[in-house]
Amino acid sequence: MATALEFQEMLRGAALRVTRPRVAVLRAVHAHPHADTDSIIGTVRTDLPKVSHQTVYDSLRVLTAAGLVRRIQPSGSVARYESRTGDNHHHVVCRSCGAIADVDCAVGDAPCLTASDDRGYLIDEAEVVYWGICSDCPT
């Protein structure tokens, strides 16, 4: 995982002001892929016990807009955040326990943006979610 200095450089590279909450949120997302907001708040509060919910929400919004984190929300799930950005990978979700894992493109090269018929759209993102039962859950 990246160091505090590397997280600061990520923020500067995205033309964002470096703040302790932003660094802590970025660290939490990197440490816990696919974490929901409440989990991120809990993790951030281990470093910054008095950080507010709103500060974490604002940090997640800013980091997502800057492309430093990615927000996903599989159907029926709360929003989750991950640090793997820019490659337009996909996800597999367990119908039983809700576990989420990354999966690369099944066919072709990343970023998997070739639709069979783009209907004139300039496509810049595709979202594929595979659903099933993970190996940890009874079938």
N, C-alpha and C. Protein backbone atom coordinates (compact mmCIF):
# COMPACT_ATOMS: atom_id res chain seq x y z
N MET A 1 0.84 -1.18 0.00
CA MET A 1 0.00 0.00 0.00
C MET A 1 0.89 1.24 0.00
N ALA A 2 0.35 2.32 -0.51
CA ALA A 2 1.08 3.57 -0.62
C ALA A 2 1.34 4.17 0.77
N THR A 3 2.34 5.02 0.82
CA THR A 3 2.67 5.72 2.06
C THR A 3 1.89 7.02 2.13
N ALA A 4 1.92 7.66 3.31
CA ALA A 4 1.24 8.95 3.47
C ALA A 4 1.77 9.97 2.46
N LEU A 5 3.07 9.95 2.24
CA LEU A 5 3.66 10.87 1.27
C LEU A 5 3.15 10.60 -0.15
N GLU A 6 3.02 9.32 -0.49
CA GLU A 6 2.50 8.98 -1.82
C GLU A 6 1.03 9.40 -1.97
N PHE A 7 0.24 9.25 -0.90
CA PHE A 7 -1.14 9.72 -0.96
C PHE A 7 -1.19 11.23 -1.14
N GLN A 8 -0.29 11.94 -0.47
CA GLN A 8 -0.23 13.40 -0.62
C GLN A 8 0.12 13.76 -2.06
N GLU A 9 1.05 13.02 -2.65
CA GLU A 9 1.43 13.27 -4.04
C GLU A 9 0.27 12.98 -5.00
N MET A 10 -0.52 11.93 -4.69
CA MET A 10 -1.70 11.64 -5.52
C MET A 10 -2.65 12.82 -5.50
N LEU A 11 -2.87 13.38 -4.33
CA LEU A 11 -3.77 14.53 -4.21
C LEU A 11 -3.22 15.73 -4.97
N ARG A 12 -1.95 16.01 -4.79
CA ARG A 12 -1.34 17.14 -5.52
C ARG A 12 -1.38 16.91 -7.02
N GLY A 13 -1.14 15.66 -7.45
CA GLY A 13 -1.18 15.33 -8.87
C GLY A 13 -2.56 15.53 -9.49
N ALA A 14 -3.58 15.46 -8.65
CA ALA A 14 -4.95 15.70 -9.12
C ALA A 14 -5.38 17.14 -8.87
N ALA A 15 -4.42 18.00 -8.53
CA ALA A 15 -4.66 19.42 -8.25
C ALA A 15 -5.62 19.62 -7.08
N LEU A 16 -5.51 18.74 -6.08
CA LEU A 16 -6.34 18.86 -4.88
C LEU A 16 -5.48 19.31 -3.71
N ARG A 17 -6.10 20.06 -2.83
CA ARG A 17 -5.43 20.48 -1.61
C ARG A 17 -5.24 19.25 -0.72
N VAL A 18 -4.09 19.14 -0.12
CA VAL A 18 -3.79 18.02 0.78
C VAL A 18 -4.33 18.37 2.16
N THR A 19 -5.26 17.53 2.64
CA THR A 19 -5.79 17.68 4.00
C THR A 19 -5.68 16.33 4.70
N ARG A 20 -5.65 16.36 6.01
CA ARG A 20 -5.57 15.11 6.77
C ARG A 20 -6.77 14.21 6.47
N PRO A 21 -8.00 14.73 6.43
CA PRO A 21 -9.13 13.85 6.11
C PRO A 21 -9.03 13.23 4.72
N ARG A 22 -8.61 13.98 3.73
CA ARG A 22 -8.49 13.42 2.38
C ARG A 22 -7.45 12.31 2.34
N VAL A 23 -6.33 12.52 2.99
CA VAL A 23 -5.29 11.48 3.04
C VAL A 23 -5.84 10.25 3.76
N ALA A 24 -6.54 10.46 4.88
CA ALA A 24 -7.07 9.33 5.65
C ALA A 24 -8.13 8.57 4.85
N VAL A 25 -8.98 9.28 4.11
CA VAL A 25 -10.01 8.62 3.30
C VAL A 25 -9.35 7.86 2.16
N LEU A 26 -8.38 8.45 1.51
CA LEU A 26 -7.66 7.77 0.43
C LEU A 26 -6.98 6.51 0.95
N ARG A 27 -6.36 6.60 2.11
CA ARG A 27 -5.71 5.44 2.73
C ARG A 27 -6.75 4.35 3.04
N ALA A 28 -7.90 4.74 3.57
CA ALA A 28 -8.95 3.78 3.92
C ALA A 28 -9.47 3.05 2.68
N VAL A 29 -9.68 3.78 1.60
CA VAL A 29 -10.17 3.16 0.36
C VAL A 29 -9.13 2.20 -0.20
N HIS A 30 -7.87 2.57 -0.14
CA HIS A 30 -6.81 1.68 -0.63
C HIS A 30 -6.70 0.43 0.24
N ALA A 31 -6.90 0.59 1.52
CA ALA A 31 -6.76 -0.55 2.45
C ALA A 31 -7.96 -1.49 2.42
N HIS A 32 -9.12 -0.97 2.05
CA HIS A 32 -10.35 -1.76 2.09
C HIS A 32 -11.14 -1.60 0.79
N PRO A 33 -10.73 -2.30 -0.26
CA PRO A 33 -11.44 -2.19 -1.54
C PRO A 33 -12.91 -2.59 -1.40
N HIS A 34 -13.77 -1.86 -2.05
CA HIS A 34 -15.20 -2.09 -2.09
C HIS A 34 -15.88 -1.81 -0.74
N ALA A 35 -15.26 -0.98 0.08
CA ALA A 35 -15.84 -0.63 1.38
C ALA A 35 -16.98 0.36 1.19
N ASP A 36 -17.99 0.24 2.06
CA ASP A 36 -19.07 1.22 2.05
C ASP A 36 -18.66 2.43 2.88
N THR A 37 -19.48 3.46 2.83
CA THR A 37 -19.14 4.71 3.50
C THR A 37 -18.99 4.53 5.00
N ASP A 38 -19.88 3.78 5.64
CA ASP A 38 -19.77 3.58 7.09
C ASP A 38 -18.46 2.90 7.46
N SER A 39 -18.03 1.93 6.68
CA SER A 39 -16.76 1.25 6.94
C SER A 39 -15.59 2.21 6.76
N ILE A 40 -15.67 3.06 5.75
CA ILE A 40 -14.61 4.04 5.53
C ILE A 40 -14.56 5.02 6.68
N ILE A 41 -15.72 5.48 7.15
CA ILE A 41 -15.75 6.39 8.29
C ILE A 41 -15.10 5.73 9.51
N GLY A 42 -15.42 4.48 9.77
CA GLY A 42 -14.83 3.76 10.89
C GLY A 42 -13.32 3.67 10.79
N THR A 43 -12.83 3.38 9.60
CA THR A 43 -11.39 3.28 9.38
C THR A 43 -10.72 4.64 9.55
N VAL A 44 -11.31 5.67 8.97
CA VAL A 44 -10.74 7.02 9.07
C VAL A 44 -10.69 7.46 10.53
N ARG A 45 -11.70 7.10 11.29
CA ARG A 45 -11.75 7.53 12.70
C ARG A 45 -10.70 6.84 13.57
N THR A 46 -10.05 5.81 13.08
CA THR A 46 -8.93 5.25 13.85
C THR A 46 -7.75 6.22 13.84
N ASP A 47 -7.61 7.01 12.76
CA ASP A 47 -6.56 8.02 12.67
C ASP A 47 -7.05 9.40 13.11
N LEU A 48 -8.29 9.71 12.77
CA LEU A 48 -8.87 11.03 13.07
C LEU A 48 -10.19 10.83 13.81
N PRO A 49 -10.15 10.60 15.12
CA PRO A 49 -11.35 10.23 15.88
C PRO A 49 -12.50 11.23 15.80
N LYS A 50 -12.22 12.48 15.56
CA LYS A 50 -13.27 13.51 15.58
C LYS A 50 -13.76 13.90 14.18
N VAL A 51 -13.32 13.18 13.16
CA VAL A 51 -13.74 13.53 11.80
C VAL A 51 -15.25 13.31 11.67
N SER A 52 -15.91 14.23 11.01
CA SER A 52 -17.37 14.14 10.85
C SER A 52 -17.74 13.27 9.66
N HIS A 53 -18.98 12.76 9.71
CA HIS A 53 -19.51 12.01 8.56
C HIS A 53 -19.43 12.88 7.31
N GLN A 54 -19.84 14.14 7.45
CA GLN A 54 -19.89 15.03 6.29
C GLN A 54 -18.52 15.23 5.67
N THR A 55 -17.49 15.32 6.49
CA THR A 55 -16.13 15.48 5.97
C THR A 55 -15.73 14.27 5.14
N VAL A 56 -16.07 13.08 5.62
CA VAL A 56 -15.75 11.86 4.87
C VAL A 56 -16.56 11.82 3.57
N TYR A 57 -17.86 12.13 3.64
CA TYR A 57 -18.69 12.17 2.43
C TYR A 57 -18.12 13.17 1.42
N ASP A 58 -17.75 14.36 1.90
CA ASP A 58 -17.19 15.38 1.01
C ASP A 58 -15.88 14.91 0.40
N SER A 59 -15.04 14.29 1.20
CA SER A 59 -13.76 13.78 0.70
C SER A 59 -13.98 12.72 -0.37
N LEU A 60 -14.91 11.80 -0.13
CA LEU A 60 -15.20 10.76 -1.12
C LEU A 60 -15.71 11.37 -2.42
N ARG A 61 -16.56 12.38 -2.32
CA ARG A 61 -17.08 13.05 -3.52
C ARG A 61 -15.96 13.70 -4.31
N VAL A 62 -15.07 14.42 -3.61
CA VAL A 62 -13.96 15.11 -4.26
C VAL A 62 -12.98 14.10 -4.88
N LEU A 63 -12.65 13.05 -4.14
CA LEU A 63 -11.71 12.05 -4.64
C LEU A 63 -12.28 11.30 -5.84
N THR A 64 -13.59 11.05 -5.82
CA THR A 64 -14.24 10.40 -6.96
C THR A 64 -14.22 11.31 -8.18
N ALA A 65 -14.58 12.57 -7.99
CA ALA A 65 -14.59 13.53 -9.10
C ALA A 65 -13.20 13.70 -9.70
N ALA A 66 -12.18 13.59 -8.87
CA ALA A 66 -10.80 13.73 -9.36
C ALA A 66 -10.26 12.46 -9.98
N GLY A 67 -11.01 11.36 -9.88
CA GLY A 67 -10.58 10.10 -10.47
C GLY A 67 -9.60 9.32 -9.60
N LEU A 68 -9.45 9.70 -8.34
CA LEU A 68 -8.55 8.97 -7.44
C LEU A 68 -9.21 7.76 -6.81
N VAL A 69 -10.52 7.76 -6.72
CA VAL A 69 -11.27 6.59 -6.28
C VAL A 69 -12.45 6.42 -7.23
N ARG A 70 -13.01 5.24 -7.22
CA ARG A 70 -14.16 4.92 -8.07
C ARG A 70 -15.32 4.52 -7.18
N ARG A 71 -16.48 5.05 -7.47
CA ARG A 71 -17.70 4.73 -6.74
C ARG A 71 -18.47 3.70 -7.54
N ILE A 72 -18.84 2.61 -6.91
CA ILE A 72 -19.68 1.60 -7.56
C ILE A 72 -20.90 1.38 -6.69
N GLN A 73 -21.98 0.95 -7.30
CA GLN A 73 -23.19 0.65 -6.54
C GLN A 73 -23.98 -0.45 -7.24
N PRO A 74 -23.59 -1.70 -6.95
CA PRO A 74 -24.35 -2.81 -7.53
C PRO A 74 -25.82 -2.73 -7.11
N SER A 75 -26.69 -3.18 -7.95
CA SER A 75 -28.12 -3.14 -7.67
C SER A 75 -28.44 -3.70 -6.29
N GLY A 76 -29.20 -2.95 -5.51
CA GLY A 76 -29.60 -3.38 -4.18
C GLY A 76 -28.55 -3.17 -3.11
N SER A 77 -27.45 -2.54 -3.45
CA SER A 77 -26.35 -2.33 -2.51
C SER A 77 -26.15 -0.84 -2.25
N VAL A 78 -25.52 -0.53 -1.13
CA VAL A 78 -25.12 0.85 -0.88
C VAL A 78 -23.90 1.16 -1.73
N ALA A 79 -23.58 2.42 -1.86
CA ALA A 79 -22.40 2.82 -2.62
C ALA A 79 -21.15 2.28 -1.95
N ARG A 80 -20.21 1.88 -2.78
CA ARG A 80 -18.92 1.37 -2.31
C ARG A 80 -17.82 2.06 -3.10
N TYR A 81 -16.64 2.06 -2.53
CA TYR A 81 -15.53 2.79 -3.13
C TYR A 81 -14.31 1.89 -3.27
N GLU A 82 -13.56 2.14 -4.35
CA GLU A 82 -12.35 1.37 -4.59
C GLU A 82 -11.28 2.28 -5.18
N SER A 83 -10.05 1.83 -5.04
CA SER A 83 -8.93 2.63 -5.53
C SER A 83 -8.49 2.23 -6.94
N ARG A 84 -9.01 1.15 -7.45
CA ARG A 84 -8.65 0.71 -8.80
C ARG A 84 -9.46 1.52 -9.79
N THR A 85 -8.82 2.46 -10.43
CA THR A 85 -9.51 3.38 -11.35
C THR A 85 -8.84 3.36 -12.71
N GLY A 86 -9.56 3.83 -13.70
CA GLY A 86 -8.97 4.06 -15.01
C GLY A 86 -8.92 2.87 -15.95
N ASP A 87 -9.20 1.67 -15.46
CA ASP A 87 -9.12 0.52 -16.35
C ASP A 87 -10.49 -0.06 -16.68
N ASN A 88 -11.54 0.52 -16.11
CA ASN A 88 -12.91 0.11 -16.38
C ASN A 88 -13.12 -1.40 -16.20
N HIS A 89 -12.52 -1.94 -15.13
CA HIS A 89 -12.73 -3.35 -14.81
C HIS A 89 -14.16 -3.57 -14.33
N HIS A 90 -14.52 -4.81 -14.14
CA HIS A 90 -15.88 -5.16 -13.75
C HIS A 90 -15.88 -5.81 -12.37
N HIS A 91 -17.05 -6.26 -11.92
CA HIS A 91 -17.17 -6.83 -10.58
C HIS A 91 -18.03 -8.08 -10.59
N VAL A 92 -17.74 -8.95 -9.63
CA VAL A 92 -18.57 -10.12 -9.36
C VAL A 92 -19.08 -9.93 -7.93
N VAL A 93 -20.39 -10.15 -7.75
CA VAL A 93 -21.04 -9.92 -6.45
C VAL A 93 -21.74 -11.20 -6.00
N CYS A 94 -21.52 -11.55 -4.73
CA CYS A 94 -22.19 -12.73 -4.16
C CYS A 94 -23.62 -12.37 -3.76
N ARG A 95 -24.57 -13.13 -4.26
CA ARG A 95 -25.98 -12.92 -3.93
C ARG A 95 -26.29 -13.24 -2.47
N SER A 96 -25.45 -14.04 -1.83
CA SER A 96 -25.71 -14.46 -0.47
C SER A 96 -25.11 -13.50 0.56
N CYS A 97 -23.81 -13.28 0.51
CA CYS A 97 -23.15 -12.47 1.55
C CYS A 97 -22.82 -11.05 1.10
N GLY A 98 -22.94 -10.77 -0.20
CA GLY A 98 -22.67 -9.42 -0.71
C GLY A 98 -21.22 -9.13 -1.00
N ALA A 99 -20.34 -10.13 -0.88
CA ALA A 99 -18.91 -9.91 -1.18
C ALA A 99 -18.76 -9.44 -2.62
N ILE A 100 -17.79 -8.57 -2.84
CA ILE A 100 -17.52 -8.02 -4.18
C ILE A 100 -16.05 -8.24 -4.50
N ALA A 101 -15.79 -8.67 -5.73
CA ALA A 101 -14.42 -8.85 -6.19
C ALA A 101 -14.27 -8.24 -7.58
N ASP A 102 -13.07 -7.81 -7.89
CA ASP A 102 -12.77 -7.27 -9.21
C ASP A 102 -12.60 -8.40 -10.21
N VAL A 103 -13.04 -8.17 -11.44
CA VAL A 103 -12.78 -9.08 -12.55
C VAL A 103 -12.38 -8.24 -13.75
N ASP A 104 -11.42 -8.74 -14.50
CA ASP A 104 -10.99 -8.03 -15.70
C ASP A 104 -11.96 -8.33 -16.83
N CYS A 105 -11.75 -7.64 -17.93
CA CYS A 105 -12.61 -7.82 -19.10
C CYS A 105 -12.61 -9.28 -19.54
N ALA A 106 -13.78 -9.78 -19.88
CA ALA A 106 -13.91 -11.17 -20.30
C ALA A 106 -13.44 -11.37 -21.73
N VAL A 107 -13.69 -10.38 -22.58
CA VAL A 107 -13.34 -10.49 -23.99
C VAL A 107 -12.70 -9.19 -24.42
N GLY A 108 -11.63 -9.28 -25.16
CA GLY A 108 -11.00 -8.07 -25.68
C GLY A 108 -10.10 -7.41 -24.64
N ASP A 109 -9.71 -6.22 -24.96
CA ASP A 109 -8.79 -5.48 -24.11
C ASP A 109 -9.53 -4.45 -23.28
N ALA A 110 -8.96 -4.13 -22.09
CA ALA A 110 -9.47 -3.03 -21.28
C ALA A 110 -9.37 -1.78 -22.15
N PRO A 111 -10.30 -0.91 -22.09
CA PRO A 111 -11.34 -0.79 -21.08
C PRO A 111 -12.70 -1.35 -21.47
N CYS A 112 -12.78 -2.29 -22.37
CA CYS A 112 -14.06 -2.96 -22.70
C CYS A 112 -15.15 -1.97 -23.07
N LEU A 113 -14.85 -1.07 -23.96
CA LEU A 113 -15.82 -0.03 -24.30
C LEU A 113 -16.39 -0.14 -25.70
N THR A 114 -16.30 -1.32 -26.29
CA THR A 114 -16.83 -1.50 -27.63
C THR A 114 -18.19 -2.17 -27.54
N ALA A 115 -19.24 -1.40 -27.73
CA ALA A 115 -20.61 -1.93 -27.71
C ALA A 115 -20.93 -2.52 -29.07
N SER A 116 -21.85 -3.48 -29.10
CA SER A 116 -22.24 -4.06 -30.38
C SER A 116 -22.90 -3.00 -31.26
N ASP A 117 -23.58 -2.04 -30.67
CA ASP A 117 -24.17 -0.92 -31.39
C ASP A 117 -24.15 0.28 -30.44
N ASP A 118 -23.25 1.24 -30.69
CA ASP A 118 -23.13 2.38 -29.77
C ASP A 118 -24.20 3.45 -29.99
N ARG A 119 -25.04 3.27 -31.01
CA ARG A 119 -26.15 4.18 -31.31
C ARG A 119 -25.72 5.64 -31.37
N GLY A 120 -24.47 5.85 -31.78
CA GLY A 120 -23.95 7.20 -31.93
C GLY A 120 -23.36 7.81 -30.67
N TYR A 121 -23.37 7.07 -29.57
CA TYR A 121 -22.79 7.58 -28.32
C TYR A 121 -21.28 7.50 -28.36
N LEU A 122 -20.63 8.44 -27.72
CA LEU A 122 -19.20 8.37 -27.47
C LEU A 122 -19.06 7.75 -26.09
N ILE A 123 -18.84 6.44 -26.05
CA ILE A 123 -18.83 5.69 -24.78
C ILE A 123 -17.51 5.89 -24.06
N ASP A 124 -17.60 6.25 -22.76
CA ASP A 124 -16.38 6.45 -21.97
C ASP A 124 -16.32 5.57 -20.73
N GLU A 125 -17.38 4.81 -20.48
CA GLU A 125 -17.38 3.91 -19.32
C GLU A 125 -18.40 2.81 -19.55
N ALA A 126 -18.05 1.61 -19.10
CA ALA A 126 -18.98 0.48 -19.15
C ALA A 126 -19.02 -0.13 -17.76
N GLU A 127 -20.19 -0.59 -17.35
CA GLU A 127 -20.31 -1.20 -16.03
C GLU A 127 -20.96 -2.57 -16.18
N VAL A 128 -20.18 -3.59 -15.82
CA VAL A 128 -20.67 -4.96 -15.89
C VAL A 128 -20.59 -5.54 -14.49
N VAL A 129 -21.67 -6.15 -14.04
CA VAL A 129 -21.68 -6.82 -12.74
C VAL A 129 -22.13 -8.25 -12.97
N TYR A 130 -21.28 -9.18 -12.55
CA TYR A 130 -21.62 -10.59 -12.59
C TYR A 130 -22.15 -10.98 -11.21
N TRP A 131 -23.23 -11.73 -11.17
CA TRP A 131 -23.85 -12.14 -9.91
C TRP A 131 -23.75 -13.64 -9.75
N GLY A 132 -23.55 -14.09 -8.52
CA GLY A 132 -23.48 -15.51 -8.25
C GLY A 132 -23.31 -15.76 -6.76
N ILE A 133 -22.86 -16.93 -6.41
CA ILE A 133 -22.61 -17.31 -5.02
C ILE A 133 -21.11 -17.54 -4.89
N CYS A 134 -20.50 -16.88 -3.92
CA CYS A 134 -19.04 -17.00 -3.73
C CYS A 134 -18.70 -18.35 -3.12
N SER A 135 -17.43 -18.68 -3.17
CA SER A 135 -16.98 -19.99 -2.67
C SER A 135 -17.07 -20.12 -1.15
N ASP A 136 -17.22 -19.02 -0.44
CA ASP A 136 -17.35 -19.05 1.03
C ASP A 136 -18.78 -19.31 1.49
N CYS A 137 -19.76 -19.15 0.60
CA CYS A 137 -21.16 -19.32 0.97
C CYS A 137 -21.69 -20.68 0.54
N PRO A 138 -22.57 -21.27 1.34
CA PRO A 138 -23.17 -22.55 0.93
C PRO A 138 -24.11 -22.33 -0.24
N THR A 139 -24.13 -23.27 -1.15
CA THR A 139 -25.01 -23.16 -2.30
C THR A 139 -26.34 -23.82 -2.08
